[in-house]
N, C-alpha and C. Protein backbone atom coordinates (compact mmCIF):
# COMPACT_ATOMS: atom_id res chain seq x y z
N MET A 1 53.59 -8.54 16.97
CA MET A 1 54.29 -9.15 15.85
C MET A 1 55.32 -10.14 16.38
N ARG A 2 55.54 -11.15 15.60
CA ARG A 2 56.43 -12.25 15.98
C ARG A 2 57.83 -12.08 15.36
N LYS A 3 58.77 -12.84 15.90
CA LYS A 3 60.13 -12.83 15.39
C LYS A 3 60.15 -13.17 13.90
N SER A 4 59.33 -14.10 13.48
CA SER A 4 59.32 -14.53 12.08
C SER A 4 58.86 -13.45 11.11
N GLU A 5 58.39 -12.32 11.62
CA GLU A 5 57.92 -11.23 10.78
C GLU A 5 58.99 -10.14 10.57
N ILE A 6 60.21 -10.40 10.97
CA ILE A 6 61.26 -9.39 10.85
C ILE A 6 61.62 -9.14 9.38
N HIS A 7 61.91 -10.14 8.59
CA HIS A 7 62.17 -10.02 7.15
C HIS A 7 63.29 -9.06 6.78
N LEU A 8 64.32 -8.99 7.55
CA LEU A 8 65.50 -8.19 7.23
C LEU A 8 66.73 -9.08 7.34
N GLU A 9 67.77 -8.73 6.62
CA GLU A 9 69.05 -9.41 6.76
C GLU A 9 69.76 -8.76 7.93
N LEU A 10 69.96 -9.51 9.01
CA LEU A 10 70.47 -8.92 10.25
C LEU A 10 71.94 -9.22 10.52
N GLY A 11 72.65 -9.73 9.54
CA GLY A 11 74.09 -9.94 9.68
C GLY A 11 74.44 -10.71 10.94
N TYR A 12 75.38 -10.18 11.71
CA TYR A 12 75.87 -10.88 12.90
C TYR A 12 74.80 -11.00 13.99
N TYR A 13 73.72 -10.24 13.91
CA TYR A 13 72.64 -10.37 14.89
C TYR A 13 71.80 -11.62 14.66
N THR A 14 71.93 -12.24 13.49
CA THR A 14 71.15 -13.43 13.17
C THR A 14 71.37 -14.53 14.19
N ASP A 15 72.59 -14.68 14.67
CA ASP A 15 72.88 -15.72 15.66
C ASP A 15 72.10 -15.49 16.95
N TYR A 16 71.91 -14.24 17.35
CA TYR A 16 71.10 -13.95 18.53
C TYR A 16 69.65 -14.36 18.31
N LEU A 17 69.13 -14.07 17.13
CA LEU A 17 67.73 -14.38 16.86
C LEU A 17 67.45 -15.88 16.84
N LYS A 18 68.45 -16.67 16.47
CA LYS A 18 68.29 -18.12 16.46
C LYS A 18 68.04 -18.67 17.86
N LEU A 19 68.40 -17.93 18.88
CA LEU A 19 68.26 -18.39 20.26
C LEU A 19 66.84 -18.19 20.82
N ILE A 20 65.99 -17.49 20.10
CA ILE A 20 64.68 -17.09 20.61
C ILE A 20 63.57 -17.82 19.89
N GLU A 21 62.56 -18.21 20.65
CA GLU A 21 61.36 -18.82 20.07
C GLU A 21 60.63 -17.79 19.22
N ASP A 22 59.78 -18.28 18.33
CA ASP A 22 58.98 -17.40 17.48
C ASP A 22 57.72 -16.97 18.25
N LEU A 23 57.92 -15.99 19.12
CA LEU A 23 56.84 -15.46 19.94
C LEU A 23 56.53 -14.03 19.52
N PRO A 24 55.35 -13.52 19.89
CA PRO A 24 55.12 -12.09 19.74
C PRO A 24 56.11 -11.32 20.62
N ILE A 25 56.54 -10.15 20.17
CA ILE A 25 57.60 -9.42 20.87
C ILE A 25 57.27 -9.16 22.34
N LEU A 26 56.05 -8.74 22.64
CA LEU A 26 55.73 -8.44 24.04
C LEU A 26 55.74 -9.71 24.90
N GLU A 27 55.26 -10.81 24.36
CA GLU A 27 55.29 -12.08 25.09
C GLU A 27 56.74 -12.52 25.32
N ALA A 28 57.57 -12.34 24.32
CA ALA A 28 58.99 -12.71 24.45
C ALA A 28 59.68 -11.84 25.50
N LEU A 29 59.41 -10.53 25.49
CA LEU A 29 60.01 -9.65 26.49
C LEU A 29 59.60 -10.08 27.90
N GLU A 30 58.34 -10.42 28.09
CA GLU A 30 57.87 -10.88 29.41
C GLU A 30 58.54 -12.19 29.80
N LYS A 31 58.60 -13.13 28.86
CA LYS A 31 59.18 -14.44 29.15
C LYS A 31 60.64 -14.32 29.61
N TYR A 32 61.42 -13.54 28.90
CA TYR A 32 62.84 -13.46 29.23
C TYR A 32 63.11 -12.52 30.40
N THR A 33 62.12 -11.72 30.77
CA THR A 33 62.20 -10.96 32.02
C THR A 33 62.12 -11.93 33.19
N GLU A 34 61.32 -12.97 33.06
CA GLU A 34 61.23 -13.99 34.11
C GLU A 34 62.58 -14.64 34.36
N GLU A 35 63.36 -14.82 33.32
CA GLU A 35 64.69 -15.40 33.51
C GLU A 35 65.58 -14.48 34.35
N ILE A 36 65.44 -13.18 34.17
CA ILE A 36 66.21 -12.24 35.00
C ILE A 36 65.75 -12.36 36.45
N ARG A 37 64.43 -12.42 36.66
CA ARG A 37 63.88 -12.52 38.02
C ARG A 37 64.32 -13.81 38.72
N ASN A 38 64.53 -14.87 37.93
CA ASN A 38 64.85 -16.17 38.50
C ASN A 38 66.33 -16.53 38.45
N LEU A 39 67.18 -15.54 38.25
CA LEU A 39 68.62 -15.81 38.26
C LEU A 39 69.05 -16.33 39.63
N ASN A 40 70.00 -17.23 39.62
CA ASN A 40 70.54 -17.82 40.83
C ASN A 40 71.53 -16.82 41.45
N LYS A 41 71.03 -15.96 42.30
CA LYS A 41 71.85 -14.90 42.90
C LYS A 41 72.95 -15.47 43.77
N GLU A 42 72.67 -16.57 44.45
CA GLU A 42 73.69 -17.19 45.30
C GLU A 42 74.90 -17.60 44.47
N ALA A 43 74.65 -18.23 43.34
CA ALA A 43 75.75 -18.66 42.47
C ALA A 43 76.48 -17.45 41.88
N LEU A 44 75.73 -16.44 41.46
CA LEU A 44 76.36 -15.25 40.89
C LEU A 44 77.22 -14.54 41.92
N ASN A 45 76.74 -14.44 43.14
CA ASN A 45 77.54 -13.84 44.21
C ASN A 45 78.78 -14.67 44.51
N ALA A 46 78.64 -15.99 44.47
CA ALA A 46 79.78 -16.88 44.75
C ALA A 46 80.88 -16.71 43.69
N LEU A 47 80.49 -16.38 42.48
CA LEU A 47 81.50 -16.17 41.43
C LEU A 47 82.34 -14.93 41.69
N ASP A 48 81.78 -13.95 42.35
CA ASP A 48 82.46 -12.71 42.68
C ASP A 48 83.15 -12.17 41.43
N GLU A 49 84.46 -12.03 41.44
CA GLU A 49 85.18 -11.49 40.28
C GLU A 49 85.95 -12.57 39.52
N LYS A 50 85.53 -13.83 39.68
CA LYS A 50 86.18 -14.92 38.94
C LYS A 50 85.88 -14.78 37.45
N VAL A 51 86.88 -15.12 36.65
CA VAL A 51 86.71 -15.16 35.20
C VAL A 51 87.30 -16.48 34.70
N TYR A 52 86.79 -16.96 33.59
CA TYR A 52 87.24 -18.26 33.08
C TYR A 52 88.55 -18.17 32.29
N ALA A 53 88.97 -16.95 31.95
CA ALA A 53 90.23 -16.75 31.23
C ALA A 53 90.69 -15.31 31.45
N PRO A 54 91.98 -15.07 31.40
CA PRO A 54 92.47 -13.69 31.56
C PRO A 54 91.83 -12.75 30.54
N GLY A 55 91.50 -11.56 31.00
CA GLY A 55 90.93 -10.55 30.11
C GLY A 55 89.43 -10.66 29.88
N LYS A 56 88.80 -11.69 30.44
CA LYS A 56 87.34 -11.83 30.27
C LYS A 56 86.63 -11.00 31.33
N TRP A 57 85.39 -10.66 31.03
CA TRP A 57 84.60 -9.85 31.96
C TRP A 57 84.13 -10.69 33.14
N THR A 58 83.93 -10.05 34.27
CA THR A 58 83.29 -10.70 35.41
C THR A 58 81.79 -10.78 35.15
N VAL A 59 81.08 -11.54 35.96
CA VAL A 59 79.63 -11.64 35.82
C VAL A 59 78.97 -10.28 36.00
N LYS A 60 79.44 -9.48 36.95
CA LYS A 60 78.88 -8.15 37.13
C LYS A 60 79.11 -7.29 35.89
N GLU A 61 80.27 -7.42 35.28
CA GLU A 61 80.54 -6.67 34.06
C GLU A 61 79.62 -7.13 32.92
N ILE A 62 79.36 -8.43 32.85
CA ILE A 62 78.42 -8.94 31.84
C ILE A 62 77.03 -8.38 32.07
N LEU A 63 76.58 -8.38 33.31
CA LEU A 63 75.26 -7.82 33.61
C LEU A 63 75.19 -6.34 33.27
N GLN A 64 76.23 -5.59 33.61
CA GLN A 64 76.24 -4.17 33.27
C GLN A 64 76.25 -3.98 31.75
N HIS A 65 77.00 -4.83 31.06
CA HIS A 65 77.03 -4.80 29.60
C HIS A 65 75.62 -5.03 29.04
N LEU A 66 74.90 -6.00 29.57
CA LEU A 66 73.53 -6.25 29.11
C LEU A 66 72.63 -5.04 29.35
N ILE A 67 72.78 -4.43 30.50
CA ILE A 67 72.00 -3.23 30.83
C ILE A 67 72.33 -2.10 29.86
N ASP A 68 73.62 -1.83 29.68
CA ASP A 68 74.04 -0.74 28.79
C ASP A 68 73.51 -0.96 27.37
N TRP A 69 73.67 -2.17 26.86
CA TRP A 69 73.28 -2.41 25.48
C TRP A 69 71.77 -2.50 25.31
N GLU A 70 71.04 -2.91 26.33
CA GLU A 70 69.58 -2.86 26.22
C GLU A 70 69.14 -1.40 26.10
N ARG A 71 69.79 -0.52 26.82
CA ARG A 71 69.49 0.92 26.70
C ARG A 71 69.80 1.42 25.28
N ILE A 72 70.94 1.03 24.75
CA ILE A 72 71.33 1.45 23.40
C ILE A 72 70.37 0.87 22.36
N PHE A 73 70.08 -0.42 22.44
CA PHE A 73 69.18 -1.05 21.48
C PHE A 73 67.77 -0.46 21.58
N SER A 74 67.31 -0.16 22.78
CA SER A 74 65.99 0.45 22.95
C SER A 74 65.96 1.84 22.33
N TYR A 75 67.02 2.60 22.53
CA TYR A 75 67.11 3.92 21.91
C TYR A 75 67.05 3.78 20.39
N ARG A 76 67.79 2.85 19.85
CA ARG A 76 67.76 2.65 18.40
C ARG A 76 66.36 2.28 17.93
N ALA A 77 65.67 1.41 18.67
CA ALA A 77 64.29 1.04 18.31
C ALA A 77 63.41 2.29 18.28
N LEU A 78 63.57 3.16 19.25
CA LEU A 78 62.79 4.39 19.31
C LEU A 78 63.09 5.29 18.11
N VAL A 79 64.36 5.43 17.78
CA VAL A 79 64.76 6.25 16.63
C VAL A 79 64.11 5.72 15.35
N TYR A 80 64.13 4.42 15.14
CA TYR A 80 63.53 3.83 13.94
C TYR A 80 62.01 4.01 13.96
N ALA A 81 61.38 3.76 15.10
CA ALA A 81 59.93 3.86 15.20
C ALA A 81 59.44 5.28 14.93
N ARG A 82 60.23 6.26 15.31
CA ARG A 82 59.85 7.66 15.13
C ARG A 82 60.30 8.21 13.78
N ASN A 83 60.82 7.29 12.95
CA ASN A 83 61.19 7.62 11.57
C ASN A 83 62.33 8.62 11.48
N ASP A 84 63.23 8.58 12.46
CA ASP A 84 64.40 9.44 12.43
C ASP A 84 65.46 8.88 11.49
N GLY A 85 65.38 7.59 11.20
CA GLY A 85 66.21 6.99 10.16
C GLY A 85 67.53 6.40 10.56
N GLY A 86 68.36 7.13 11.28
CA GLY A 86 69.71 6.66 11.54
C GLY A 86 70.00 6.50 13.01
N ILE A 87 71.23 6.19 13.30
CA ILE A 87 71.64 6.01 14.69
C ILE A 87 72.89 6.83 14.96
N THR A 88 73.20 6.96 16.22
CA THR A 88 74.43 7.63 16.60
C THR A 88 75.62 6.77 16.20
N PRO A 89 76.81 7.34 16.16
CA PRO A 89 78.00 6.53 15.85
C PRO A 89 78.13 5.34 16.81
N GLY A 90 78.90 4.37 16.41
CA GLY A 90 79.05 3.15 17.19
C GLY A 90 79.60 3.37 18.59
N HIS A 91 79.46 2.35 19.37
CA HIS A 91 79.94 2.36 20.76
C HIS A 91 80.91 1.21 20.94
N ASP A 92 81.93 1.41 21.73
CA ASP A 92 82.93 0.38 21.98
C ASP A 92 82.58 -0.31 23.30
N GLN A 93 82.18 -1.57 23.19
CA GLN A 93 81.75 -2.30 24.39
C GLN A 93 82.89 -2.47 25.39
N GLU A 94 84.10 -2.55 24.94
CA GLU A 94 85.23 -2.70 25.87
C GLU A 94 85.45 -1.41 26.67
N ILE A 95 85.42 -0.28 25.99
CA ILE A 95 85.58 1.00 26.68
C ILE A 95 84.44 1.19 27.68
N MET A 96 83.23 0.88 27.23
CA MET A 96 82.07 1.05 28.11
C MET A 96 82.19 0.16 29.35
N THR A 97 82.58 -1.09 29.15
CA THR A 97 82.71 -2.02 30.29
C THR A 97 83.84 -1.58 31.21
N ASN A 98 84.95 -1.20 30.64
CA ASN A 98 86.09 -0.77 31.46
C ASN A 98 85.78 0.46 32.31
N ASN A 99 84.81 1.26 31.88
CA ASN A 99 84.44 2.47 32.60
C ASN A 99 83.12 2.36 33.36
N SER A 100 82.61 1.16 33.49
CA SER A 100 81.29 0.96 34.12
C SER A 100 81.34 0.84 35.64
N ASN A 101 82.51 0.55 36.19
CA ASN A 101 82.64 0.30 37.64
C ASN A 101 81.72 -0.81 38.12
N ALA A 102 81.41 -1.75 37.25
CA ALA A 102 80.47 -2.82 37.58
C ALA A 102 80.91 -3.63 38.79
N ASN A 103 82.19 -3.89 38.92
CA ASN A 103 82.65 -4.73 40.03
C ASN A 103 82.54 -4.06 41.39
N LYS A 104 82.32 -2.74 41.40
CA LYS A 104 82.12 -2.03 42.65
C LYS A 104 80.65 -2.00 43.05
N LYS A 105 79.80 -2.49 42.16
CA LYS A 105 78.36 -2.44 42.40
C LYS A 105 77.89 -3.70 43.12
N ASN A 106 76.80 -3.55 43.81
CA ASN A 106 76.15 -4.67 44.49
C ASN A 106 75.35 -5.46 43.45
N LEU A 107 75.46 -6.78 43.47
CA LEU A 107 74.76 -7.63 42.51
C LEU A 107 73.26 -7.37 42.54
N GLU A 108 72.70 -7.26 43.72
CA GLU A 108 71.26 -7.03 43.86
C GLU A 108 70.85 -5.72 43.17
N ASN A 109 71.67 -4.67 43.32
CA ASN A 109 71.37 -3.39 42.67
C ASN A 109 71.46 -3.50 41.14
N LEU A 110 72.44 -4.24 40.66
CA LEU A 110 72.55 -4.45 39.21
C LEU A 110 71.30 -5.16 38.67
N LEU A 111 70.88 -6.20 39.38
CA LEU A 111 69.71 -6.95 38.92
C LEU A 111 68.45 -6.10 39.00
N GLN A 112 68.35 -5.27 40.02
CA GLN A 112 67.20 -4.37 40.13
C GLN A 112 67.19 -3.37 38.97
N ASP A 113 68.36 -2.85 38.64
CA ASP A 113 68.48 -1.92 37.52
C ASP A 113 68.05 -2.62 36.22
N PHE A 114 68.50 -3.86 36.04
CA PHE A 114 68.16 -4.65 34.86
C PHE A 114 66.64 -4.82 34.76
N LEU A 115 66.01 -5.18 35.86
CA LEU A 115 64.55 -5.38 35.85
C LEU A 115 63.79 -4.08 35.61
N GLN A 116 64.26 -2.99 36.20
CA GLN A 116 63.61 -1.70 35.96
C GLN A 116 63.76 -1.29 34.49
N LEU A 117 64.93 -1.50 33.96
CA LEU A 117 65.15 -1.20 32.55
C LEU A 117 64.23 -2.05 31.68
N ARG A 118 64.12 -3.33 31.98
CA ARG A 118 63.27 -4.20 31.17
C ARG A 118 61.81 -3.75 31.23
N THR A 119 61.37 -3.30 32.40
CA THR A 119 60.01 -2.75 32.51
C THR A 119 59.86 -1.57 31.56
N SER A 120 60.86 -0.71 31.50
CA SER A 120 60.85 0.43 30.61
C SER A 120 60.86 -0.02 29.15
N THR A 121 61.66 -1.03 28.84
CA THR A 121 61.72 -1.56 27.48
C THR A 121 60.36 -2.11 27.06
N ILE A 122 59.71 -2.85 27.96
CA ILE A 122 58.39 -3.39 27.66
C ILE A 122 57.41 -2.25 27.40
N SER A 123 57.46 -1.22 28.23
CA SER A 123 56.59 -0.06 28.04
C SER A 123 56.83 0.60 26.68
N LEU A 124 58.08 0.73 26.30
CA LEU A 124 58.40 1.30 25.00
C LEU A 124 57.78 0.47 23.88
N PHE A 125 57.96 -0.84 23.94
CA PHE A 125 57.44 -1.70 22.88
C PHE A 125 55.92 -1.78 22.90
N GLN A 126 55.30 -1.60 24.05
CA GLN A 126 53.84 -1.52 24.11
C GLN A 126 53.33 -0.28 23.38
N SER A 127 54.15 0.76 23.32
CA SER A 127 53.73 2.00 22.66
C SER A 127 53.81 1.92 21.14
N PHE A 128 54.48 0.90 20.61
CA PHE A 128 54.64 0.77 19.16
C PHE A 128 53.46 0.02 18.57
N ASP A 129 52.97 0.50 17.42
CA ASP A 129 51.99 -0.28 16.68
C ASP A 129 52.74 -1.05 15.59
N GLN A 130 52.01 -1.77 14.75
CA GLN A 130 52.64 -2.60 13.73
C GLN A 130 53.46 -1.76 12.75
N VAL A 131 52.97 -0.59 12.40
CA VAL A 131 53.72 0.29 11.49
C VAL A 131 55.03 0.71 12.15
N ASP A 132 54.96 1.10 13.42
CA ASP A 132 56.18 1.49 14.14
C ASP A 132 57.20 0.36 14.18
N LEU A 133 56.72 -0.85 14.48
CA LEU A 133 57.63 -1.99 14.62
C LEU A 133 58.37 -2.33 13.33
N LEU A 134 57.78 -2.00 12.20
CA LEU A 134 58.39 -2.36 10.92
C LEU A 134 59.07 -1.18 10.23
N ARG A 135 59.04 -0.01 10.84
CA ARG A 135 59.66 1.18 10.23
C ARG A 135 61.17 0.99 10.24
N GLU A 136 61.79 1.12 9.09
CA GLU A 136 63.22 0.83 8.94
C GLU A 136 64.09 2.06 9.08
N GLY A 137 65.29 1.79 9.57
CA GLY A 137 66.32 2.81 9.65
C GLY A 137 67.67 2.17 9.37
N GLU A 138 68.69 2.98 9.31
CA GLU A 138 70.04 2.48 9.06
C GLU A 138 70.71 2.09 10.36
N ASN A 139 71.29 0.92 10.36
CA ASN A 139 72.06 0.42 11.49
C ASN A 139 73.43 0.05 10.92
N TYR A 140 74.28 1.05 10.78
CA TYR A 140 75.59 0.89 10.15
C TYR A 140 75.42 0.39 8.73
N ASN A 141 75.78 -0.85 8.47
CA ASN A 141 75.76 -1.35 7.10
C ASN A 141 74.53 -2.19 6.78
N MET A 142 73.45 -2.04 7.55
CA MET A 142 72.26 -2.85 7.30
C MET A 142 71.01 -2.08 7.68
N LYS A 143 69.89 -2.51 7.14
CA LYS A 143 68.60 -1.97 7.53
C LYS A 143 68.18 -2.64 8.83
N MET A 144 67.48 -1.87 9.67
CA MET A 144 67.01 -2.41 10.94
C MET A 144 65.64 -1.81 11.21
N ASN A 145 64.87 -2.50 12.07
CA ASN A 145 63.60 -1.96 12.51
C ASN A 145 63.42 -2.25 14.00
N PRO A 146 62.45 -1.61 14.64
CA PRO A 146 62.24 -1.83 16.07
C PRO A 146 61.95 -3.29 16.42
N LEU A 147 61.20 -3.98 15.58
CA LEU A 147 60.92 -5.40 15.85
C LEU A 147 62.22 -6.18 15.95
N GLY A 148 63.12 -5.95 15.00
CA GLY A 148 64.42 -6.62 15.04
C GLY A 148 65.20 -6.26 16.28
N MET A 149 65.22 -4.98 16.64
CA MET A 149 65.94 -4.54 17.84
C MET A 149 65.39 -5.21 19.09
N GLY A 150 64.07 -5.35 19.18
CA GLY A 150 63.47 -6.00 20.35
C GLY A 150 63.96 -7.42 20.51
N PHE A 151 64.00 -8.15 19.41
CA PHE A 151 64.46 -9.54 19.51
C PHE A 151 65.97 -9.63 19.68
N ILE A 152 66.71 -8.65 19.18
CA ILE A 152 68.15 -8.61 19.42
C ILE A 152 68.44 -8.41 20.90
N ILE A 153 67.67 -7.55 21.57
CA ILE A 153 67.82 -7.36 23.01
C ILE A 153 67.72 -8.71 23.72
N LEU A 154 66.73 -9.49 23.35
CA LEU A 154 66.52 -10.78 24.02
C LEU A 154 67.58 -11.81 23.64
N GLY A 155 67.94 -11.87 22.38
CA GLY A 155 68.98 -12.81 21.96
C GLY A 155 70.32 -12.50 22.60
N HIS A 156 70.60 -11.22 22.78
CA HIS A 156 71.82 -10.78 23.45
C HIS A 156 71.83 -11.27 24.89
N GLN A 157 70.71 -11.12 25.57
CA GLN A 157 70.58 -11.62 26.95
C GLN A 157 70.80 -13.13 26.99
N ILE A 158 70.13 -13.86 26.13
CA ILE A 158 70.24 -15.33 26.13
C ILE A 158 71.67 -15.74 25.84
N HIS A 159 72.30 -15.11 24.87
CA HIS A 159 73.69 -15.42 24.54
C HIS A 159 74.59 -15.29 25.78
N HIS A 160 74.47 -14.17 26.47
CA HIS A 160 75.35 -13.96 27.63
C HIS A 160 74.96 -14.87 28.80
N PHE A 161 73.70 -15.20 28.95
CA PHE A 161 73.31 -16.15 29.99
C PHE A 161 73.91 -17.53 29.69
N HIS A 162 73.96 -17.91 28.41
CA HIS A 162 74.61 -19.17 28.03
C HIS A 162 76.09 -19.15 28.39
N VAL A 163 76.74 -18.03 28.12
CA VAL A 163 78.17 -17.90 28.44
C VAL A 163 78.37 -18.06 29.95
N ILE A 164 77.54 -17.42 30.75
CA ILE A 164 77.66 -17.54 32.20
C ILE A 164 77.45 -19.00 32.62
N GLN A 165 76.41 -19.63 32.07
CA GLN A 165 76.11 -21.02 32.44
C GLN A 165 77.25 -21.96 32.05
N GLU A 166 77.77 -21.80 30.84
CA GLU A 166 78.74 -22.75 30.30
C GLU A 166 80.19 -22.49 30.71
N ARG A 167 80.54 -21.22 30.95
CA ARG A 167 81.95 -20.91 31.20
C ARG A 167 82.24 -20.40 32.61
N TYR A 168 81.27 -19.78 33.25
CA TYR A 168 81.51 -19.19 34.57
C TYR A 168 81.06 -20.12 35.70
N LEU A 169 79.86 -20.64 35.60
CA LEU A 169 79.36 -21.47 36.70
C LEU A 169 80.21 -22.72 36.96
N PRO A 170 80.83 -23.33 35.96
CA PRO A 170 81.74 -24.45 36.26
C PRO A 170 82.90 -24.05 37.18
N LEU A 171 83.24 -22.77 37.26
CA LEU A 171 84.30 -22.31 38.16
C LEU A 171 83.95 -22.55 39.62
N LEU A 172 82.67 -22.77 39.91
CA LEU A 172 82.25 -23.03 41.30
C LEU A 172 82.53 -24.46 41.72
N GLY A 173 82.87 -25.32 40.78
CA GLY A 173 83.24 -26.70 41.11
C GLY A 173 82.05 -27.60 41.45
N ARG A 174 80.87 -27.17 41.12
CA ARG A 174 79.67 -28.00 41.34
C ARG A 174 78.66 -27.63 40.26
N GLU A 175 77.74 -28.53 40.02
CA GLU A 175 76.72 -28.26 39.01
C GLU A 175 75.70 -27.27 39.56
N VAL A 176 75.51 -26.20 38.82
CA VAL A 176 74.62 -25.12 39.24
C VAL A 176 73.85 -24.61 38.02
N GLU A 177 72.57 -24.31 38.24
CA GLU A 177 71.77 -23.69 37.18
C GLU A 177 71.80 -22.18 37.33
N LEU A 178 71.97 -21.47 36.23
CA LEU A 178 71.95 -20.01 36.28
C LEU A 178 70.54 -19.50 36.54
N VAL A 179 69.59 -20.07 35.83
CA VAL A 179 68.19 -19.65 35.98
C VAL A 179 67.45 -20.82 36.60
N LYS A 180 66.97 -20.60 37.79
CA LYS A 180 66.30 -21.65 38.55
C LYS A 180 65.04 -22.14 37.82
N GLY A 181 65.07 -23.43 37.46
CA GLY A 181 63.90 -24.06 36.87
C GLY A 181 63.54 -23.61 35.46
N MET A 182 64.44 -22.90 34.81
CA MET A 182 64.13 -22.42 33.47
C MET A 182 65.29 -22.68 32.54
N ARG A 183 64.97 -22.73 31.26
CA ARG A 183 66.02 -22.86 30.25
C ARG A 183 66.57 -21.47 29.97
N CYS A 184 67.86 -21.42 29.75
CA CYS A 184 68.41 -20.13 29.31
C CYS A 184 69.33 -20.35 28.14
């Protein structure tokens, strides 16, 4: 199923979906996995713990945030697909990031974790049929389904890759691409 088949009001997630082409979910998951594989590790390592403004996350914290939330969004997709209906109470991204110890982690290990997680996410979505993908559940104040969650995972990734490209990489003082040879 494609992004255009979501047919739900997704509130603040709508901005994430605008960043993604109208592809079938599995094709989109594969495509944006390639962006993770092709990240400019040299540039990311060079950024180290630089931030573009006080109180902003480091690149490692952003990557850990993406990993954490892909796990949460995948869990929600599973809950909806299995017709459980609801989700656990909300999560505070600031508390999670502050307790992630991301800056103590090796960049290569973070990226490997991200890729392994994405493989798991793809496997999860391969297990869903069309009925599963459209089964609705409650996501706080809106209806959600696994198809929507899958595209939110990708839009969230693209959003944060844009932030890194536009706000972090200029800190290196030279023009650098975040994703080698690809649009992000």
